[in-house]
Amino acid sequence: LKEAIARLGLRFSLTAGRDAVYGGVEVVSARLEPAADLLQAILSAPALKADDVERVKAQRLTDISRDAANPATVATRQWYAAAFPDHPYGNPVDG
């Protein structure tokens, strides 16, 4: 996957929010068709390797630990929990 992305000069991004997943793709127009095919493959048949899942899990746990020491993040989480007690918005986005 990394080789295909590099070969196409593709820039691909995904971000998750409370209500949606946002994504973007940047590629020169001459490579649009193969880039679209690659994007379709990524979205329709993701290949999650155990090592990659564990690496990202470790990163997220580090982020959660760091955020627990950030007063602004703690206050925001408490506000959402109080404002939306019986709704998914009351739960942190990152678990």
PDB file of N, CA and C in Angstrom:
ATOM      1  N   LEU A   1       0.833  -1.193   0.000  1.00  0.00           N
ATOM      2  CA  LEU A   1       0.000   0.000   0.000  1.00  0.00           C
ATOM      3  C   LEU A   1       0.874   1.252   0.000  1.00  0.00           C
ATOM      4  N   LYS A   2       1.879   1.266   0.859  1.00  0.00           N
ATOM      5  CA  LYS A   2       2.762   2.434   0.914  1.00  0.00           C
ATOM      6  C   LYS A   2       3.456   2.668  -0.420  1.00  0.00           C
ATOM      7  N   GLU A   3       3.871   1.582  -1.066  1.00  0.00           N
ATOM      8  CA  GLU A   3       4.534   1.713  -2.361  1.00  0.00           C
ATOM      9  C   GLU A   3       3.579   2.268  -3.412  1.00  0.00           C
ATOM     10  N   ALA A   4       2.332   1.786  -3.421  1.00  0.00           N
ATOM     11  CA  ALA A   4       1.342   2.264  -4.394  1.00  0.00           C
ATOM     12  C   ALA A   4       1.042   3.737  -4.170  1.00  0.00           C
ATOM     13  N   ILE A   5       0.920   4.132  -2.918  1.00  0.00           N
ATOM     14  CA  ILE A   5       0.659   5.538  -2.598  1.00  0.00           C
ATOM     15  C   ILE A   5       1.827   6.411  -3.051  1.00  0.00           C
ATOM     16  N   ALA A   6       3.044   5.949  -2.779  1.00  0.00           N
ATOM     17  CA  ALA A   6       4.232   6.713  -3.189  1.00  0.00           C
ATOM     18  C   ALA A   6       4.343   6.783  -4.708  1.00  0.00           C
ATOM     19  N   ARG A   7       4.075   5.669  -5.388  1.00  0.00           N
ATOM     20  CA  ARG A   7       4.181   5.632  -6.848  1.00  0.00           C
ATOM     21  C   ARG A   7       3.200   6.604  -7.495  1.00  0.00           C
ATOM     22  N   LEU A   8       2.011   6.725  -6.922  1.00  0.00           N
ATOM     23  CA  LEU A   8       0.990   7.615  -7.473  1.00  0.00           C
ATOM     24  C   LEU A   8       1.180   9.064  -7.015  1.00  0.00           C
ATOM     25  N   GLY A   9       2.035   9.281  -6.012  1.00  0.00           N
ATOM     26  CA  GLY A   9       2.172  10.626  -5.457  1.00  0.00           C
ATOM     27  C   GLY A   9       0.888  11.048  -4.763  1.00  0.00           C
ATOM     28  N   LEU A  10       0.239  10.103  -4.145  1.00  0.00           N
ATOM     29  CA  LEU A  10      -1.074  10.299  -3.521  1.00  0.00           C
ATOM     30  C   LEU A  10      -0.921  10.822  -2.103  1.00  0.00           C
ATOM     31  N   ARG A  11      -1.736  11.759  -1.735  1.00  0.00           N
ATOM     32  CA  ARG A  11      -1.847  12.217  -0.356  1.00  0.00           C
ATOM     33  C   ARG A  11      -3.240  11.852   0.114  1.00  0.00           C
ATOM     34  N   PHE A  12      -3.320  11.065   1.176  1.00  0.00           N
ATOM     35  CA  PHE A  12      -4.577  10.510   1.649  1.00  0.00           C
ATOM     36  C   PHE A  12      -4.696  10.804   3.138  1.00  0.00           C
ATOM     37  N   SER A  13      -5.870  11.285   3.577  1.00  0.00           N
ATOM     38  CA  SER A  13      -6.051  11.574   4.997  1.00  0.00           C
ATOM     39  C   SER A  13      -7.461  11.194   5.436  1.00  0.00           C
ATOM     40  N   LEU A  14      -7.574  10.778   6.687  1.00  0.00           N
ATOM     41  CA  LEU A  14      -8.857  10.473   7.312  1.00  0.00           C
ATOM     42  C   LEU A  14      -8.847  11.022   8.729  1.00  0.00           C
ATOM     43  N   THR A  15      -9.966  11.576   9.132  1.00  0.00           N
ATOM     44  CA  THR A  15     -10.136  12.079  10.484  1.00  0.00           C
ATOM     45  C   THR A  15     -11.539  11.727  10.943  1.00  0.00           C
ATOM     46  N   ALA A  16     -11.659  11.278  12.173  1.00  0.00           N
ATOM     47  CA  ALA A  16     -12.977  10.944  12.721  1.00  0.00           C
ATOM     48  C   ALA A  16     -13.405  12.021  13.700  1.00  0.00           C
ATOM     49  N   GLY A  17     -14.665  12.368  13.645  1.00  0.00           N
ATOM     50  CA  GLY A  17     -15.249  13.315  14.582  1.00  0.00           C
ATOM     51  C   GLY A  17     -16.434  12.686  15.291  1.00  0.00           C
ATOM     52  N   ARG A  18     -17.183  13.463  16.010  1.00  0.00           N
ATOM     53  CA  ARG A  18     -18.349  12.934  16.721  1.00  0.00           C
ATOM     54  C   ARG A  18     -19.453  12.481  15.777  1.00  0.00           C
ATOM     55  N   ASP A  19     -19.599  13.161  14.646  1.00  0.00           N
ATOM     56  CA  ASP A  19     -20.717  12.888  13.752  1.00  0.00           C
ATOM     57  C   ASP A  19     -20.336  12.283  12.413  1.00  0.00           C
ATOM     58  N   ALA A  20     -19.082  12.281  12.077  1.00  0.00           N
ATOM     59  CA  ALA A  20     -18.725  11.870  10.726  1.00  0.00           C
ATOM     60  C   ALA A  20     -17.251  11.494  10.653  1.00  0.00           C
ATOM     61  N   VAL A  21     -16.912  10.884   9.539  1.00  0.00           N
ATOM     62  CA  VAL A  21     -15.528  10.633   9.182  1.00  0.00           C
ATOM     63  C   VAL A  21     -15.226  11.525   7.987  1.00  0.00           C
ATOM     64  N   TYR A  22     -14.145  12.263   8.076  1.00  0.00           N
ATOM     65  CA  TYR A  22     -13.764  13.195   7.020  1.00  0.00           C
ATOM     66  C   TYR A  22     -12.512  12.665   6.341  1.00  0.00           C
ATOM     67  N   GLY A  23     -12.461  12.801   5.039  1.00  0.00           N
ATOM     68  CA  GLY A  23     -11.296  12.324   4.325  1.00  0.00           C
ATOM     69  C   GLY A  23     -10.943  13.219   3.162  1.00  0.00           C
ATOM     70  N   GLY A  24      -9.737  13.052   2.705  1.00  0.00           N
ATOM     71  CA  GLY A  24      -9.289  13.820   1.560  1.00  0.00           C
ATOM     72  C   GLY A  24      -8.266  13.038   0.764  1.00  0.00           C
ATOM     73  N   VAL A  25      -8.252  13.302  -0.526  1.00  0.00           N
ATOM     74  CA  VAL A  25      -7.291  12.678  -1.424  1.00  0.00           C
ATOM     75  C   VAL A  25      -6.748  13.778  -2.322  1.00  0.00           C
ATOM     76  N   GLU A  26      -5.444  13.806  -2.458  1.00  0.00           N
ATOM     77  CA  GLU A  26      -4.811  14.739  -3.384  1.00  0.00           C
ATOM     78  C   GLU A  26      -3.919  13.942  -4.319  1.00  0.00           C
ATOM     79  N   VAL A  27      -4.105  14.160  -5.627  1.00  0.00           N
ATOM     80  CA  VAL A  27      -3.296  13.485  -6.632  1.00  0.00           C
ATOM     81  C   VAL A  27      -3.368  14.308  -7.910  1.00  0.00           C
ATOM     82  N   VAL A  28      -2.319  14.250  -8.720  1.00  0.00           N
ATOM     83  CA  VAL A  28      -2.371  14.965  -9.994  1.00  0.00           C
ATOM     84  C   VAL A  28      -3.423  14.310 -10.878  1.00  0.00           C
ATOM     85  N   SER A  29      -4.063  15.107 -11.701  1.00  0.00           N
ATOM     86  CA  SER A  29      -5.192  14.621 -12.499  1.00  0.00           C
ATOM     87  C   SER A  29      -4.821  13.465 -13.427  1.00  0.00           C
ATOM     88  N   ALA A  30      -3.605  13.392 -13.881  1.00  0.00           N
ATOM     89  CA  ALA A  30      -3.190  12.309 -14.774  1.00  0.00           C
ATOM     90  C   ALA A  30      -3.221  10.948 -14.074  1.00  0.00           C
ATOM     91  N   ARG A  31      -3.180  10.962 -12.746  1.00  0.00           N
ATOM     92  CA  ARG A  31      -3.185   9.704 -11.977  1.00  0.00           C
ATOM     93  C   ARG A  31      -4.484   9.506 -11.216  1.00  0.00           C
ATOM     94  N   LEU A  32      -5.509  10.241 -11.583  1.00  0.00           N
ATOM     95  CA  LEU A  32      -6.771  10.183 -10.854  1.00  0.00           C
ATOM     96  C   LEU A  32      -7.409   8.795 -10.899  1.00  0.00           C
ATOM     97  N   GLU A  33      -7.452   8.180 -12.072  1.00  0.00           N
ATOM     98  CA  GLU A  33      -8.124   6.880 -12.181  1.00  0.00           C
ATOM     99  C   GLU A  33      -7.453   5.799 -11.330  1.00  0.00           C
ATOM    100  N   PRO A  34      -6.132   5.604 -11.429  1.00  0.00           N
ATOM    101  CA  PRO A  34      -5.530   4.587 -10.546  1.00  0.00           C
ATOM    102  C   PRO A  34      -5.630   4.963  -9.064  1.00  0.00           C
ATOM    103  N   ALA A  35      -5.599   6.255  -8.768  1.00  0.00           N
ATOM    104  CA  ALA A  35      -5.751   6.686  -7.373  1.00  0.00           C
ATOM    105  C   ALA A  35      -7.153   6.369  -6.868  1.00  0.00           C
ATOM    106  N   ALA A  36      -8.174   6.585  -7.711  1.00  0.00           N
ATOM    107  CA  ALA A  36      -9.553   6.267  -7.329  1.00  0.00           C
ATOM    108  C   ALA A  36      -9.712   4.764  -7.125  1.00  0.00           C
ATOM    109  N   ASP A  37      -9.075   3.963  -7.966  1.00  0.00           N
ATOM    110  CA  ASP A  37      -9.133   2.506  -7.801  1.00  0.00           C
ATOM    111  C   ASP A  37      -8.494   2.083  -6.483  1.00  0.00           C
ATOM    112  N   LEU A  38      -7.351   2.685  -6.150  1.00  0.00           N
ATOM    113  CA  LEU A  38      -6.684   2.368  -4.896  1.00  0.00           C
ATOM    114  C   LEU A  38      -7.527   2.788  -3.705  1.00  0.00           C
ATOM    115  N   LEU A  39      -8.118   3.963  -3.781  1.00  0.00           N
ATOM    116  CA  LEU A  39      -8.984   4.440  -2.705  1.00  0.00           C
ATOM    117  C   LEU A  39     -10.173   3.504  -2.518  1.00  0.00           C
ATOM    118  N   GLN A  40     -10.772   3.050  -3.611  1.00  0.00           N
ATOM    119  CA  GLN A  40     -11.893   2.110  -3.520  1.00  0.00           C
ATOM    120  C   GLN A  40     -11.465   0.826  -2.816  1.00  0.00           C
ATOM    121  N   ALA A  41     -10.288   0.315  -3.160  1.00  0.00           N
ATOM    122  CA  ALA A  41      -9.779  -0.901  -2.520  1.00  0.00           C
ATOM    123  C   ALA A  41      -9.540  -0.686  -1.024  1.00  0.00           C
ATOM    124  N   ILE A  42      -8.979   0.465  -0.678  1.00  0.00           N
ATOM    125  CA  ILE A  42      -8.704   0.771   0.736  1.00  0.00           C
ATOM    126  C   ILE A  42     -10.003   0.809   1.538  1.00  0.00           C
ATOM    127  N   LEU A  43     -11.026   1.449   0.986  1.00  0.00           N
ATOM    128  CA  LEU A  43     -12.278   1.625   1.718  1.00  0.00           C
ATOM    129  C   LEU A  43     -13.163   0.386   1.707  1.00  0.00           C
ATOM    130  N   SER A  44     -13.107  -0.401   0.645  1.00  0.00           N
ATOM    131  CA  SER A  44     -14.017  -1.543   0.543  1.00  0.00           C
ATOM    132  C   SER A  44     -13.436  -2.842   1.086  1.00  0.00           C
ATOM    133  N   ALA A  45     -12.132  -2.949   1.175  1.00  0.00           N
ATOM    134  CA  ALA A  45     -11.507  -4.180   1.669  1.00  0.00           C
ATOM    135  C   ALA A  45     -10.272  -3.842   2.494  1.00  0.00           C
ATOM    136  N   PRO A  46     -10.473  -3.207   3.651  1.00  0.00           N
ATOM    137  CA  PRO A  46      -9.314  -2.828   4.451  1.00  0.00           C
ATOM    138  C   PRO A  46      -8.557  -4.060   4.940  1.00  0.00           C
ATOM    139  N   ALA A  47      -7.261  -3.961   4.970  1.00  0.00           N
ATOM    140  CA  ALA A  47      -6.406  -5.038   5.456  1.00  0.00           C
ATOM    141  C   ALA A  47      -5.743  -4.566   6.736  1.00  0.00           C
ATOM    142  N   LEU A  48      -6.247  -5.034   7.852  1.00  0.00           N
ATOM    143  CA  LEU A  48      -5.710  -4.628   9.142  1.00  0.00           C
ATOM    144  C   LEU A  48      -4.813  -5.731   9.681  1.00  0.00           C
ATOM    145  N   LYS A  49      -3.528  -5.450   9.756  1.00  0.00           N
ATOM    146  CA  LYS A  49      -2.574  -6.411  10.290  1.00  0.00           C
ATOM    147  C   LYS A  49      -2.499  -6.234  11.800  1.00  0.00           C
ATOM    148  N   ALA A  50      -2.331  -7.337  12.508  1.00  0.00           N
ATOM    149  CA  ALA A  50      -2.303  -7.305  13.975  1.00  0.00           C
ATOM    150  C   ALA A  50      -1.229  -6.355  14.498  1.00  0.00           C
ATOM    151  N   ASP A  51      -0.055  -6.351  13.873  1.00  0.00           N
ATOM    152  CA  ASP A  51       1.021  -5.460  14.325  1.00  0.00           C
ATOM    153  C   ASP A  51       0.620  -3.992  14.192  1.00  0.00           C
ATOM    154  N   ASP A  52      -0.050  -3.662  13.092  1.00  0.00           N
ATOM    155  CA  ASP A  52      -0.492  -2.283  12.878  1.00  0.00           C
ATOM    156  C   ASP A  52      -1.552  -1.884  13.895  1.00  0.00           C
ATOM    157  N   VAL A  53      -2.480  -2.797  14.172  1.00  0.00           N
ATOM    158  CA  VAL A  53      -3.528  -2.514  15.160  1.00  0.00           C
ATOM    159  C   VAL A  53      -2.904  -2.277  16.531  1.00  0.00           C
ATOM    160  N   GLU A  54      -1.952  -3.102  16.916  1.00  0.00           N
ATOM    161  CA  GLU A  54      -1.289  -2.943  18.216  1.00  0.00           C
ATOM    162  C   GLU A  54      -0.497  -1.637  18.287  1.00  0.00           C
ATOM    163  N   ARG A  55       0.157  -1.255  17.188  1.00  0.00           N
ATOM    164  CA  ARG A  55       0.927  -0.003  17.159  1.00  0.00           C
ATOM    165  C   ARG A  55       0.003   1.195  17.353  1.00  0.00           C
ATOM    166  N   VAL A  56      -1.110   1.210  16.617  1.00  0.00           N
ATOM    167  CA  VAL A  56      -2.054   2.328  16.734  1.00  0.00           C
ATOM    168  C   VAL A  56      -2.725   2.317  18.108  1.00  0.00           C
ATOM    169  N   LYS A  57      -3.029   1.137  18.618  1.00  0.00           N
ATOM    170  CA  LYS A  57      -3.615   1.036  19.957  1.00  0.00           C
ATOM    171  C   LYS A  57      -2.678   1.644  21.004  1.00  0.00           C
ATOM    172  N   ALA A  58      -1.387   1.342  20.909  1.00  0.00           N
ATOM    173  CA  ALA A  58      -0.410   1.906  21.847  1.00  0.00           C
ATOM    174  C   ALA A  58      -0.349   3.425  21.716  1.00  0.00           C
ATOM    175  N   GLN A  59      -0.402   3.925  20.473  1.00  0.00           N
ATOM    176  CA  GLN A  59      -0.398   5.373  20.258  1.00  0.00           C
ATOM    177  C   GLN A  59      -1.627   6.018  20.885  1.00  0.00           C
ATOM    178  N   ARG A  60      -2.792   5.415  20.675  1.00  0.00           N
ATOM    179  CA  ARG A  60      -4.029   5.987  21.213  1.00  0.00           C
ATOM    180  C   ARG A  60      -4.027   5.967  22.738  1.00  0.00           C
ATOM    181  N   LEU A  61      -3.526   4.882  23.348  1.00  0.00           N
ATOM    182  CA  LEU A  61      -3.455   4.825  24.807  1.00  0.00           C
ATOM    183  C   LEU A  61      -2.533   5.898  25.353  1.00  0.00           C
ATOM    184  N   THR A  62      -1.440   6.173  24.651  1.00  0.00           N
ATOM    185  CA  THR A  62      -0.542   7.264  25.042  1.00  0.00           C
ATOM    186  C   THR A  62      -1.266   8.601  24.938  1.00  0.00           C
ATOM    187  N   ASP A  63      -2.014   8.801  23.854  1.00  0.00           N
ATOM    188  CA  ASP A  63      -2.779  10.045  23.676  1.00  0.00           C
ATOM    189  C   ASP A  63      -3.814  10.218  24.786  1.00  0.00           C
ATOM    190  N   ILE A  64      -4.514   9.148  25.126  1.00  0.00           N
ATOM    191  CA  ILE A  64      -5.544   9.213  26.169  1.00  0.00           C
ATOM    192  C   ILE A  64      -4.908   9.553  27.509  1.00  0.00           C
ATOM    193  N   SER A  65      -3.766   8.942  27.797  1.00  0.00           N
ATOM    194  CA  SER A  65      -3.057   9.227  29.050  1.00  0.00           C
ATOM    195  C   SER A  65      -2.612  10.690  29.100  1.00  0.00           C
ATOM    196  N   ARG A  66      -2.073  11.185  27.996  1.00  0.00           N
ATOM    197  CA  ARG A  66      -1.635  12.583  27.930  1.00  0.00           C
ATOM    198  C   ARG A  66      -2.824  13.524  28.105  1.00  0.00           C
ATOM    199  N   ASP A  67      -3.939  13.206  27.425  1.00  0.00           N
ATOM    200  CA  ASP A  67      -5.126  14.063  27.509  1.00  0.00           C
ATOM    201  C   ASP A  67      -5.703  14.108  28.919  1.00  0.00           C
ATOM    202  N   ALA A  68      -5.525  13.026  29.679  1.00  0.00           N
ATOM    203  CA  ALA A  68      -6.050  12.989  31.052  1.00  0.00           C
ATOM    204  C   ALA A  68      -5.342  14.009  31.947  1.00  0.00           C
ATOM    205  N   ALA A  69      -4.164  14.469  31.525  1.00  0.00           N
ATOM    206  CA  ALA A  69      -3.428  15.475  32.290  1.00  0.00           C
ATOM    207  C   ALA A  69      -3.614  16.882  31.738  1.00  0.00           C
ATOM    208  N   ASN A  70      -4.443  17.015  30.716  1.00  0.00           N
ATOM    209  CA  ASN A  70      -4.680  18.318  30.092  1.00  0.00           C
ATOM    210  C   ASN A  70      -5.992  18.894  30.628  1.00  0.00           C
ATOM    211  N   PRO A  71      -5.944  19.972  31.412  1.00  0.00           N
ATOM    212  CA  PRO A  71      -7.153  20.511  32.024  1.00  0.00           C
ATOM    213  C   PRO A  71      -8.247  20.872  31.004  1.00  0.00           C
ATOM    214  N   ALA A  72      -7.875  21.411  29.859  1.00  0.00           N
ATOM    215  CA  ALA A  72      -8.881  21.780  28.856  1.00  0.00           C
ATOM    216  C   ALA A  72      -9.599  20.542  28.316  1.00  0.00           C
ATOM    217  N   THR A  73      -8.849  19.483  28.078  1.00  0.00           N
ATOM    218  CA  THR A  73      -9.454  18.249  27.578  1.00  0.00           C
ATOM    219  C   THR A  73     -10.344  17.630  28.638  1.00  0.00           C
ATOM    220  N   VAL A  74      -9.894  17.605  29.871  1.00  0.00           N
ATOM    221  CA  VAL A  74     -10.692  17.053  30.973  1.00  0.00           C
ATOM    222  C   VAL A  74     -11.992  17.844  31.119  1.00  0.00           C
ATOM    223  N   ALA A  75     -11.907  19.166  31.076  1.00  0.00           N
ATOM    224  CA  ALA A  75     -13.100  20.008  31.199  1.00  0.00           C
ATOM    225  C   ALA A  75     -14.069  19.775  30.041  1.00  0.00           C
ATOM    226  N   THR A  76     -13.551  19.649  28.835  1.00  0.00           N
ATOM    227  CA  THR A  76     -14.409  19.403  27.670  1.00  0.00           C
ATOM    228  C   THR A  76     -15.127  18.071  27.809  1.00  0.00           C
ATOM    229  N   ARG A  77     -14.405  17.044  28.227  1.00  0.00           N
ATOM    230  CA  ARG A  77     -15.034  15.726  28.412  1.00  0.00           C
ATOM    231  C   ARG A  77     -16.111  15.782  29.484  1.00  0.00           C
ATOM    232  N   GLN A  78     -15.838  16.485  30.569  1.00  0.00           N
ATOM    233  CA  GLN A  78     -16.836  16.600  31.636  1.00  0.00           C
ATOM    234  C   GLN A  78     -18.058  17.367  31.157  1.00  0.00           C
ATOM    235  N   TRP A  79     -17.850  18.405  30.358  1.00  0.00           N
ATOM    236  CA  TRP A  79     -18.978  19.165  29.826  1.00  0.00           C
ATOM    237  C   TRP A  79     -19.855  18.278  28.959  1.00  0.00           C
ATOM    238  N   TYR A  80     -19.240  17.530  28.038  1.00  0.00           N
ATOM    239  CA  TYR A  80     -20.021  16.642  27.165  1.00  0.00           C
ATOM    240  C   TYR A  80     -20.766  15.596  27.988  1.00  0.00           C
ATOM    241  N   ALA A  81     -20.125  15.039  29.005  1.00  0.00           N
ATOM    242  CA  ALA A  81     -20.773  14.032  29.844  1.00  0.00           C
ATOM    243  C   ALA A  81     -21.977  14.621  30.580  1.00  0.00           C
ATOM    244  N   ALA A  82     -21.848  15.865  31.061  1.00  0.00           N
ATOM    245  CA  ALA A  82     -22.955  16.508  31.775  1.00  0.00           C
ATOM    246  C   ALA A  82     -24.052  16.971  30.826  1.00  0.00           C
ATOM    247  N   ALA A  83     -23.679  17.469  29.668  1.00  0.00           N
ATOM    248  CA  ALA A  83     -24.665  17.992  28.712  1.00  0.00           C
ATOM    249  C   ALA A  83     -25.420  16.884  27.992  1.00  0.00           C
ATOM    250  N   PHE A  84     -24.793  15.727  27.809  1.00  0.00           N
ATOM    251  CA  PHE A  84     -25.407  14.625  27.058  1.00  0.00           C
ATOM    252  C   PHE A  84     -25.290  13.320  27.852  1.00  0.00           C
ATOM    253  N   PRO A  85     -25.928  13.247  29.027  1.00  0.00           N
ATOM    254  CA  PRO A  85     -25.721  12.093  29.901  1.00  0.00           C
ATOM    255  C   PRO A  85     -26.200  10.755  29.320  1.00  0.00           C
ATOM    256  N   ASP A  86     -27.241  10.748  28.538  1.00  0.00           N
ATOM    257  CA  ASP A  86     -27.781   9.495  28.003  1.00  0.00           C
ATOM    258  C   ASP A  86     -27.668   9.435  26.490  1.00  0.00           C
ATOM    259  N   HIS A  87     -26.622  10.024  25.979  1.00  0.00           N
ATOM    260  CA  HIS A  87     -26.438  10.105  24.524  1.00  0.00           C
ATOM    261  C   HIS A  87     -24.981   9.780  24.190  1.00  0.00           C
ATOM    262  N   PRO A  88     -24.708   9.212  23.012  1.00  0.00           N
ATOM    263  CA  PRO A  88     -23.312   8.928  22.643  1.00  0.00           C
ATOM    264  C   PRO A  88     -22.392  10.153  22.718  1.00  0.00           C
ATOM    265  N   TYR A  89     -22.929  11.361  22.536  1.00  0.00           N
ATOM    266  CA  TYR A  89     -22.086  12.555  22.658  1.00  0.00           C
ATOM    267  C   TYR A  89     -21.474  12.678  24.037  1.00  0.00           C
ATOM    268  N   GLY A  90     -22.076  12.062  25.036  1.00  0.00           N
ATOM    269  CA  GLY A  90     -21.560  12.125  26.387  1.00  0.00           C
ATOM    270  C   GLY A  90     -20.303  11.309  26.601  1.00  0.00           C
ATOM    271  N   ASN A  91     -19.975  10.475  25.636  1.00  0.00           N
ATOM    272  CA  ASN A  91     -18.783   9.625  25.729  1.00  0.00           C
ATOM    273  C   ASN A  91     -17.630  10.246  24.938  1.00  0.00           C
ATOM    274  N   PRO A  92     -16.406  10.079  25.409  1.00  0.00           N
ATOM    275  CA  PRO A  92     -15.267  10.606  24.659  1.00  0.00           C
ATOM    276  C   PRO A  92     -15.183   9.958  23.268  1.00  0.00           C
ATOM    277  N   VAL A  93     -14.768  10.711  22.283  1.00  0.00           N
ATOM    278  CA  VAL A  93     -14.639  10.212  20.925  1.00  0.00           C
ATOM    279  C   VAL A  93     -13.599   9.102  20.859  1.00  0.00           C
ATOM    280  N   ASP A  94     -12.525   9.228  21.647  1.00  0.00           N
ATOM    281  CA  ASP A  94     -11.425   8.268  21.574  1.00  0.00           C
ATOM    282  C   ASP A  94     -11.536   7.133  22.566  1.00  0.00           C
ATOM    283  N   GLY A  95     -12.685   6.976  23.164  1.00  0.00           N
ATOM    284  CA  GLY A  95     -12.890   5.838  24.064  1.00  0.00           C
ATOM    285  C   GLY A  95     -12.661   6.147  25.511  1.00  0.00           C
TER     286      GLY A  95
END
